Protein backbone atom coordinates (compact mmCIF):
# COMPACT_ATOMS: atom_id res chain seq x y z
CA UNK A 1 4.98 35.49 -22.89
CA UNK A 2 5.10 38.32 -25.44
CA UNK A 3 6.79 37.27 -28.69
CA UNK A 4 9.52 39.60 -29.90
CA UNK A 5 10.77 40.04 -33.45
CA UNK A 6 14.22 40.34 -34.97
CA UNK A 7 15.68 43.58 -36.35
CA UNK A 8 15.45 44.06 -40.11
CA UNK A 9 19.21 43.74 -40.62
CA UNK A 10 22.33 42.81 -38.68
CA UNK A 11 26.08 43.25 -38.94
CA UNK A 12 29.12 41.60 -37.39
CA UNK A 13 29.97 43.33 -34.09
CA UNK A 14 33.62 42.28 -34.23
CA UNK A 15 33.22 41.00 -30.66
CA UNK A 16 33.17 37.22 -30.37
CA UNK A 17 30.71 36.92 -27.48
CA UNK A 18 28.35 39.47 -29.02
CA UNK A 19 28.18 38.07 -32.50
CA UNK A 20 25.85 39.97 -34.83
CA UNK A 21 24.17 43.20 -33.74
CA UNK A 22 21.49 45.44 -35.30
CA UNK A 23 22.91 47.38 -38.25
CA UNK A 24 22.20 50.81 -36.72
CA UNK A 25 23.84 49.98 -33.38
CA UNK A 26 27.46 50.79 -32.59
CA UNK A 27 30.14 49.09 -30.50
CA UNK A 28 31.98 51.55 -28.29
CA UNK A 29 34.13 51.58 -25.19
CA UNK A 30 32.39 52.84 -22.07
CA UNK A 31 34.75 55.81 -21.80
CA UNK A 32 33.40 57.19 -25.10
CA UNK A 33 29.76 56.95 -24.03
CA UNK A 34 29.40 57.48 -20.28
CA UNK A 35 30.92 60.01 -17.89
CA UNK A 36 31.59 58.70 -14.42
CA UNK A 37 33.57 59.16 -11.23
CA UNK A 38 34.31 56.92 -8.28
CA UNK A 39 33.71 57.77 -4.65
CA UNK A 40 35.77 57.41 -1.51
CA UNK A 41 35.67 56.17 2.05
CA UNK A 42 36.72 58.50 4.89
CA UNK A 43 39.20 57.11 7.39
CA UNK A 44 37.49 55.49 10.35
CA UNK A 45 40.42 56.54 12.54
CA UNK A 46 39.67 60.25 12.31
CA UNK A 47 37.07 61.41 14.79
CA UNK A 48 34.07 63.16 13.33
CA UNK A 49 34.32 61.95 9.72
CA UNK A 50 31.14 59.93 10.16
CA UNK A 51 29.37 62.41 12.45
CA UNK A 52 27.59 64.42 9.80
CA UNK A 53 24.50 64.53 7.62
CA UNK A 54 26.02 64.29 4.15
CA UNK A 55 24.34 61.31 2.38
CA UNK A 56 26.93 58.69 1.50
CA UNK A 57 26.05 55.48 -0.37
CA UNK A 58 27.73 52.11 0.18
CA UNK A 59 27.12 48.85 -1.67
CA UNK A 60 24.82 47.80 1.17
CA UNK A 61 22.54 50.73 0.28
CA UNK A 62 22.07 49.56 -3.31
CA UNK A 63 18.90 47.57 -2.82
CA UNK A 64 16.27 48.05 -5.51
CA UNK A 65 16.16 50.35 -8.50
CA UNK A 66 16.38 53.53 -6.45
CA UNK A 67 18.49 54.40 -3.42
CA UNK A 68 16.10 54.64 -0.47
CA UNK A 69 18.62 54.73 2.36
CA UNK A 70 22.15 56.01 2.83
CA UNK A 71 24.89 56.18 5.39
CA UNK A 72 26.22 59.58 6.42
CA UNK A 73 29.56 61.37 6.57
CA UNK A 74 30.62 64.84 7.60
CA UNK A 75 31.53 67.63 5.16
CA UNK A 76 35.13 67.36 6.32
CA UNK A 77 35.05 63.60 5.78
CA UNK A 78 33.85 64.09 2.20
CA UNK A 79 36.27 66.95 1.51
CA UNK A 80 39.36 65.24 2.88
CA UNK A 81 38.58 62.09 0.91
CA UNK A 82 38.25 64.15 -2.30
CA UNK A 83 34.76 62.84 -2.92
CA UNK A 84 32.68 64.38 -5.70
CA UNK A 85 28.95 64.83 -5.19
CA UNK A 86 26.88 62.68 -7.56
CA UNK A 87 23.85 64.61 -8.80
CA UNK A 88 20.30 63.36 -8.44
CA UNK A 89 19.46 60.89 -11.20
CA UNK A 90 22.98 59.45 -11.43
CA UNK A 91 23.29 55.74 -12.06
CA UNK A 92 25.39 53.95 -9.45
CA UNK A 93 27.24 50.74 -10.32
CA UNK A 94 29.13 48.59 -7.81
CA UNK A 95 32.37 47.11 -9.07
CA UNK A 96 33.80 45.48 -5.93
CA UNK A 97 32.43 42.62 -3.84
CA UNK A 98 28.79 42.69 -5.00
CA UNK A 99 29.75 43.34 -8.62
CA UNK A 100 26.99 44.51 -10.95
CA UNK A 101 24.47 46.01 -8.53
CA UNK A 102 22.89 49.12 -10.02
CA UNK A 103 20.54 51.81 -8.75
CA UNK A 104 19.54 55.41 -9.37
CA UNK A 105 20.10 58.20 -6.88
CA UNK A 106 16.97 59.95 -5.62
CA UNK A 107 19.01 62.96 -4.44
CA UNK A 108 22.55 64.35 -4.55
CA UNK A 109 24.84 61.86 -2.80
CA UNK A 110 28.44 60.86 -2.21
CA UNK A 111 29.52 57.24 -2.72
CA UNK A 112 32.24 54.98 -1.42
CA UNK A 113 35.24 53.80 -3.45
CA UNK A 114 33.50 50.58 -4.58
CA UNK A 115 30.89 52.46 -6.63
CA UNK A 116 31.06 54.42 -9.87
CA UNK A 117 28.58 57.23 -10.44
CA UNK A 118 27.45 57.66 -14.05
CA UNK A 119 26.10 61.13 -14.72
CA UNK A 120 22.86 61.94 -16.55
CA UNK A 121 23.26 63.27 -20.11
CA UNK A 122 20.69 64.63 -22.54
CA UNK A 123 21.88 62.28 -25.31
CA UNK A 124 21.61 59.18 -23.16
CA UNK A 125 18.78 57.27 -21.57
CA UNK A 126 20.40 56.07 -18.34
CA UNK A 127 17.48 53.73 -17.78
CA UNK A 128 18.73 51.71 -20.75
CA UNK A 129 22.16 51.48 -19.13
CA UNK A 130 20.54 50.39 -15.86
CA UNK A 131 19.61 47.19 -17.68
CA UNK A 132 22.62 47.03 -19.99
CA UNK A 133 25.63 47.72 -17.75
CA UNK A 134 25.39 44.65 -15.47
CA UNK A 135 25.57 42.44 -18.56
CA UNK A 136 28.27 44.20 -20.54
CA UNK A 137 30.74 45.27 -17.86
CA UNK A 138 30.83 41.79 -16.32
CA UNK A 139 31.88 40.41 -19.71
CA UNK A 140 34.98 42.59 -19.44
CA UNK A 141 35.87 41.57 -15.89
CA UNK A 142 38.62 39.22 -14.83
CA UNK A 143 38.04 36.39 -12.37
CA UNK A 144 40.31 35.28 -9.55
CA UNK A 145 41.08 31.71 -8.49
CA UNK A 146 37.80 31.57 -6.58
CA UNK A 147 35.76 32.57 -9.63
CA UNK A 148 34.90 36.01 -8.22
CA UNK A 149 34.68 38.92 -10.64
CA UNK A 150 37.42 41.55 -10.41
CA UNK A 151 37.03 45.06 -11.83
CA UNK A 152 39.08 48.22 -11.73
CA UNK A 153 38.69 51.64 -13.34
CA UNK A 154 40.71 50.72 -16.44
CA UNK A 155 38.61 47.64 -17.10
CA UNK A 156 35.44 49.68 -16.62
CA UNK A 157 36.59 52.50 -18.92
CA UNK A 158 37.50 50.07 -21.66
CA UNK A 159 34.45 47.85 -21.30
CA UNK A 160 32.79 47.08 -24.61
CA UNK A 161 29.24 48.43 -24.78
CA UNK A 162 26.52 48.37 -27.39
CA UNK A 163 25.29 51.84 -28.26
CA UNK A 164 21.81 51.93 -29.86
CA UNK A 165 20.27 55.18 -31.17
CA UNK A 166 18.68 57.29 -28.43
CA UNK A 167 15.11 56.45 -29.45
CA UNK A 168 15.96 52.77 -29.36
CA UNK A 169 17.43 53.20 -25.88
CA UNK A 170 14.20 54.80 -24.75
CA UNK A 171 12.03 52.10 -26.33
CA UNK A 172 14.07 49.32 -24.74
CA UNK A 173 14.10 50.94 -21.30
CA UNK A 174 10.34 51.55 -21.38
CA UNK A 175 9.64 47.99 -22.52
CA UNK A 176 11.88 46.45 -19.86
CA UNK A 177 10.39 48.64 -17.13
CA UNK A 178 6.95 47.26 -17.95
CA UNK A 179 7.99 43.64 -18.43
CA UNK A 180 10.32 43.37 -15.45
CA UNK A 181 7.71 44.99 -13.19
CA UNK A 182 5.17 42.37 -14.30
CA UNK A 183 7.67 39.59 -13.67
CA UNK A 184 8.71 41.02 -10.30
CA UNK A 185 5.07 41.19 -9.21
CA UNK A 186 4.52 37.56 -10.23
CA UNK A 187 7.69 36.51 -8.39
CA UNK A 188 6.70 38.44 -5.26
CA UNK A 189 3.24 36.86 -5.24
CA UNK A 190 4.77 33.39 -5.38
CA UNK A 191 7.26 34.28 -2.65
CA UNK A 192 4.38 35.46 -0.48
CA UNK A 193 2.56 32.19 -1.17
CA UNK A 194 5.64 30.27 -0.09
CA UNK A 195 5.70 32.20 3.19
CA UNK A 196 2.02 31.37 3.75
CA UNK A 197 2.73 27.70 3.05
CA UNK A 198 5.62 27.75 5.53
CA UNK A 199 3.33 29.33 8.14
CA UNK A 200 0.71 26.67 7.42
CA UNK A 201 3.32 23.94 7.90
CA UNK A 202 4.33 25.40 11.25
CA UNK A 203 0.70 25.56 12.36
CA UNK A 204 0.23 21.91 11.41
CA UNK A 205 3.29 20.94 13.44
CA UNK A 206 2.43 23.14 16.43
CA UNK A 207 -1.15 21.86 16.64
CA UNK A 208 -0.09 18.24 16.29
CA UNK A 209 2.59 18.25 19.00
CA UNK A 210 0.54 20.24 21.53
CA UNK A 211 -3.06 19.24 20.72
CA UNK A 212 -2.69 15.81 19.11
CA UNK A 213 -4.32 14.68 15.87
CA UNK A 214 -7.62 13.34 17.18
CA UNK A 215 -10.00 16.30 16.91
CA UNK A 216 -12.79 14.46 18.79
CA UNK A 217 -10.88 13.93 22.03
CA UNK A 218 -11.85 15.82 25.19
CA UNK A 219 -9.41 18.60 26.08
CA UNK A 220 -8.21 19.85 29.45
CA UNK A 221 -6.19 22.81 30.69
CA UNK A 222 -2.50 21.84 30.82
CA UNK A 223 -1.80 24.32 33.58
CA UNK A 224 1.09 25.68 31.50
CA UNK A 225 0.55 28.99 29.75
CA UNK A 226 2.63 28.33 26.65
CA UNK A 227 0.98 24.94 26.05
CA UNK A 228 -2.68 25.80 26.66
CA UNK A 229 -5.18 22.96 26.38
CA UNK A 230 -4.09 19.39 25.73
CA UNK A 231 -5.93 16.07 25.24
CA UNK A 232 -7.44 14.88 28.54
CA UNK A 233 -5.36 11.69 28.66
CA UNK A 234 -1.98 13.44 28.05
CA UNK A 235 0.50 14.18 30.81
CA UNK A 236 2.56 17.29 31.43
CA UNK A 237 6.10 16.64 32.61
CA UNK A 238 9.31 18.54 33.28
CA UNK A 239 12.10 18.06 30.76
CA UNK A 240 14.45 16.76 33.46
CA UNK A 241 12.13 13.80 34.08
CA UNK A 242 12.20 12.87 30.39
CA UNK A 243 15.90 13.49 29.62
CA UNK A 244 19.20 13.12 31.43
CA UNK A 245 22.16 15.44 30.89
CA UNK A 246 24.97 13.24 29.52
CA UNK A 247 28.67 13.98 29.99
CA UNK A 248 30.65 11.35 28.11
CA UNK A 249 34.08 12.57 26.94
CA UNK A 250 35.41 10.99 23.76
CA UNK A 251 38.68 9.03 24.02
CA UNK A 252 41.91 10.54 22.75
CA UNK A 253 42.91 10.02 19.13
CA UNK A 254 39.36 9.12 18.12
CA UNK A 255 38.05 9.33 14.57
CA UNK A 256 34.38 9.81 15.43
CA UNK A 257 32.05 11.87 13.24
CA UNK A 258 32.15 15.54 14.26
CA UNK A 259 28.59 16.84 14.67
CA UNK A 260 27.25 20.34 15.05
CA UNK A 261 23.86 21.92 15.61
CA UNK A 262 22.47 24.63 13.31
CA UNK A 263 19.44 26.80 13.92
CA UNK A 264 18.02 26.25 10.45
CA UNK A 265 18.77 22.59 9.72
CA UNK A 266 19.35 20.87 13.07
CA UNK A 267 22.16 18.37 13.73
CA UNK A 268 24.48 17.63 10.82
CA UNK A 269 28.00 16.22 10.38
CA UNK A 270 30.40 19.15 10.17
CA UNK A 271 32.07 17.71 7.05
CA UNK A 272 28.81 18.26 5.13
CA UNK A 273 28.89 21.98 5.93
CA UNK A 274 32.60 22.80 6.06
CA UNK A 275 32.01 26.33 4.77
CA UNK A 276 29.80 27.11 7.76
CA UNK A 277 32.46 26.70 10.39
CA UNK A 278 36.09 25.96 11.16
CA UNK A 279 37.04 22.33 11.38
CA UNK A 280 38.36 21.26 14.77
CA UNK A 281 42.00 20.15 14.73
CA UNK A 282 41.21 17.45 17.31
CA UNK A 283 38.06 16.05 18.92
CA UNK A 284 39.81 14.74 22.02
CA UNK A 285 37.67 15.54 25.04
CA UNK A 286 34.59 16.30 22.96
CA UNK A 287 31.25 14.86 24.14
CA UNK A 288 30.18 11.56 22.63
CA UNK A 289 26.77 11.55 20.97
CA UNK A 290 24.61 8.53 20.24
CA UNK A 291 21.90 8.34 17.60
CA UNK A 292 18.71 9.53 19.28
CA UNK A 293 20.44 12.02 21.61
CA UNK A 294 19.62 15.73 21.56
CA UNK A 295 22.32 18.37 21.12
CA UNK A 296 21.68 21.72 22.76
CA UNK A 297 23.71 24.83 22.03
CA UNK A 298 23.34 26.57 25.39
CA UNK A 299 24.08 29.96 23.83
CA UNK A 300 21.66 29.72 20.90
CA UNK A 301 19.06 27.20 22.06
CA UNK A 302 16.38 29.87 22.29
CA UNK A 303 17.05 30.70 18.63
CA UNK A 304 16.45 27.12 17.52
CA UNK A 305 19.91 25.57 17.98
CA UNK A 306 18.57 22.38 19.52
CA UNK A 307 17.82 19.14 17.75
CA UNK A 308 17.76 15.37 17.47
CA UNK A 309 20.91 13.63 16.28
CA UNK A 310 20.44 10.91 13.69
CA UNK A 311 24.15 10.11 13.91
CA UNK A 312 26.67 8.61 16.29
CA UNK A 313 29.61 10.96 16.79
CA UNK A 314 31.09 13.70 18.93
CA UNK A 315 30.30 17.35 19.45
CA UNK A 316 31.76 20.41 21.16
CA UNK A 317 31.91 20.37 24.98
CA UNK A 318 30.26 23.78 24.76
CA UNK A 319 27.02 21.94 23.96
CA UNK A 320 24.77 19.88 26.23
CA UNK A 321 23.84 16.30 25.34
CA UNK A 322 20.42 15.07 26.42
CA UNK A 323 19.44 11.39 26.38
CA UNK A 324 15.94 10.07 26.98
CA UNK A 325 15.43 8.27 30.31
CA UNK A 326 12.64 6.08 28.91
CA UNK A 327 11.68 5.16 25.34
CA UNK A 328 10.38 8.11 23.28
CA UNK A 329 9.79 9.04 19.64
CA UNK A 330 12.69 11.46 19.21
CA UNK A 331 11.24 13.29 16.21
CA UNK A 332 8.22 14.30 18.31
CA UNK A 333 10.46 16.14 20.78
CA UNK A 334 12.60 17.50 17.94
CA UNK A 335 9.53 19.20 16.52
CA UNK A 336 8.39 20.33 19.97
CA UNK A 337 11.74 21.82 20.97
CA UNK A 338 12.08 23.75 17.70
CA UNK A 339 8.66 25.43 17.88
CA UNK A 340 8.83 29.24 18.06
CA UNK A 341 6.60 29.29 21.15
CA UNK A 342 8.95 26.81 22.85
CA UNK A 343 11.94 28.96 21.85
CA UNK A 344 10.34 31.85 23.75
CA UNK A 345 9.93 29.59 26.76
CA UNK A 346 13.62 28.61 26.58
CA UNK A 347 14.53 32.29 26.38
CA UNK A 348 12.62 32.96 29.61
CA UNK A 349 14.68 30.29 31.35
CA UNK A 350 18.02 31.46 29.94
CA UNK A 351 20.52 33.50 31.95
CA UNK A 352 22.38 36.57 30.78
CA UNK A 353 22.29 40.35 30.66
CA UNK A 354 21.59 40.63 26.92
CA UNK A 355 20.13 38.45 24.17
CA UNK A 356 23.45 37.46 22.57
CA UNK A 357 24.85 36.42 25.95
CA UNK A 358 21.89 34.35 27.09
CA UNK A 359 22.69 30.78 28.10
CA UNK A 360 20.27 27.96 28.77
CA UNK A 361 21.70 25.65 31.42
CA UNK A 362 20.13 22.27 32.07
CA UNK A 363 19.12 23.13 35.62
CA UNK A 364 16.75 25.71 34.10
CA UNK A 365 15.93 23.89 30.88
CA UNK A 366 15.04 20.81 32.90
CA UNK A 367 12.34 22.72 34.77
CA UNK A 368 10.40 23.59 31.60
CA UNK A 369 7.14 21.64 31.49
CA UNK A 370 6.18 19.99 28.22
CA UNK A 371 3.25 17.91 26.95
CA UNK A 372 3.83 14.15 27.12
CA UNK A 373 1.57 11.85 25.08
CA UNK A 374 2.18 8.10 25.03
CA UNK A 375 4.99 6.77 22.85
CA UNK A 376 2.45 5.26 20.44
CA UNK A 377 0.71 8.60 20.12
CA UNK A 378 4.06 10.34 19.65
CA UNK A 379 4.70 8.00 16.71
CA UNK A 380 1.25 8.69 15.26
CA UNK A 381 1.84 12.44 15.52
CA UNK A 382 5.21 12.15 13.78
CA UNK A 383 3.66 10.14 10.96
CA UNK A 384 0.87 12.72 10.60
CA UNK A 385 3.39 15.58 10.51
CA UNK A 386 5.49 13.77 7.89
CA UNK A 387 2.54 13.19 5.55
CA UNK A 388 1.22 16.74 5.80
CA UNK A 389 4.65 18.38 5.76
CA UNK A 390 5.55 16.49 2.60
CA UNK A 391 2.41 17.81 0.89
CA UNK A 392 3.23 21.36 1.88
CA UNK A 393 6.91 20.97 0.96
CA UNK A 394 5.89 19.72 -2.50
CA UNK A 395 3.68 22.79 -2.94
CA UNK A 396 6.56 25.03 -1.84
CA UNK A 397 8.94 23.25 -4.22
CA UNK A 398 6.52 23.78 -7.12
CA UNK A 399 6.26 27.51 -6.38
CA UNK A 400 10.05 27.81 -6.06
CA UNK A 401 10.56 26.12 -9.42
CA UNK A 402 8.13 28.58 -10.98
CA UNK A 403 10.01 31.47 -9.34
CA UNK A 404 13.29 30.14 -10.73
CA UNK A 405 11.78 29.94 -14.22
CA UNK A 406 10.45 33.50 -13.99
CA UNK A 407 13.85 34.78 -12.86
CA UNK A 408 15.56 32.85 -15.63
CA UNK A 409 13.14 34.29 -18.18
CA UNK A 410 13.68 37.81 -16.81
CA UNK A 411 17.46 37.48 -17.14
CA UNK A 412 17.17 36.03 -20.64
CA UNK A 413 14.70 38.72 -21.73
CA UNK A 414 16.95 41.57 -20.58
CA UNK A 415 20.01 39.96 -22.16
CA UNK A 416 18.30 39.40 -25.53
CA UNK A 417 16.82 42.91 -25.68
CA UNK A 418 19.90 44.93 -24.66
CA UNK A 419 22.18 42.93 -26.98
CA UNK A 420 19.83 43.42 -29.95
CA UNK A 421 18.95 39.78 -30.40
CA UNK A 422 15.27 40.81 -30.44
CA UNK A 423 13.52 44.08 -31.17
CA UNK A 424 10.86 45.78 -29.05
CA UNK A 425 8.00 47.61 -30.72
């Protein structure tokens, strides 16, 4: 990376966390440097306040360096909320919830009460403050018992800022524009590579569970559209002839492990993911689950909420429990059931008038036809998937570590430049 130099001389800033700063820079409160106003939010109880075409920015709209989308309010909604129009080129800063998000306006806009609008000024380079504000204002924030940042207008007004000469502001902003763009491009390329690797992993899994791993074997038409061709010696069978629906209520006052099914990670003990759901006060009457059973969320099965349990325990009676009739390699069916193409097949067999009300009952799920290799071949496929998935996962992990390092460098670079620790040419 580009090596940066120190300034020729420094002085004590008088601020403990800042330490020494370049001699020509000043320490000032925000209220003496930047002019800003806050927005407002029209009442949702008054009809018509949101039936207009006045652009109105919320925190959700601050995504990227420039505002590309807005919500809308009516003129009366803006007027009766005493909102002031922020001129094009204003710098928006969120100080509630998603603290520290910044973006420039591409047109005249109103904002909600969680955003301050900093106005353009001929003696300021707002692009410098785009990089500087998220660092400095946060240092002046309080935190609550949960560690979240809390800001109000007084804290913002009295925030300690570093004020370089205008030319220095321009130099820093120009330098950071170039460097951060380069870093963002590198990060995006690695993120795209990760997506390609994930797609490759899914292809490996899909091909293995529906086509097998012996590329020399003779293929035949499965007779099932979503499956296509399968090895000649494989069978095709309905789910209901491979699995039974199990209804086994847990005894009262049990202390069994509470299990749940998640679309992204499969079956996990609820205690490992407490933040993702409310803990049941009792598991009396819940369905018992044995290691090797499958848990099916009838409401979300077609979105991937189906999976093999590696635990004994109990789960909600809202779920179905499937147990193999004959010996199988459970991981093979876990991979099969969580394929996207199989999810579409489950959706076709689900009942309901809209997507979020679809339910997959076993009488329909059981009629879905699936490929059925021998148990030994199921085990071979699982082993093949594990070996190749591990290779791909390692490649993904390497790219993610490089992304993390690039992001860390970007944060450090911005911090060092806007606080005067290093000088840009």
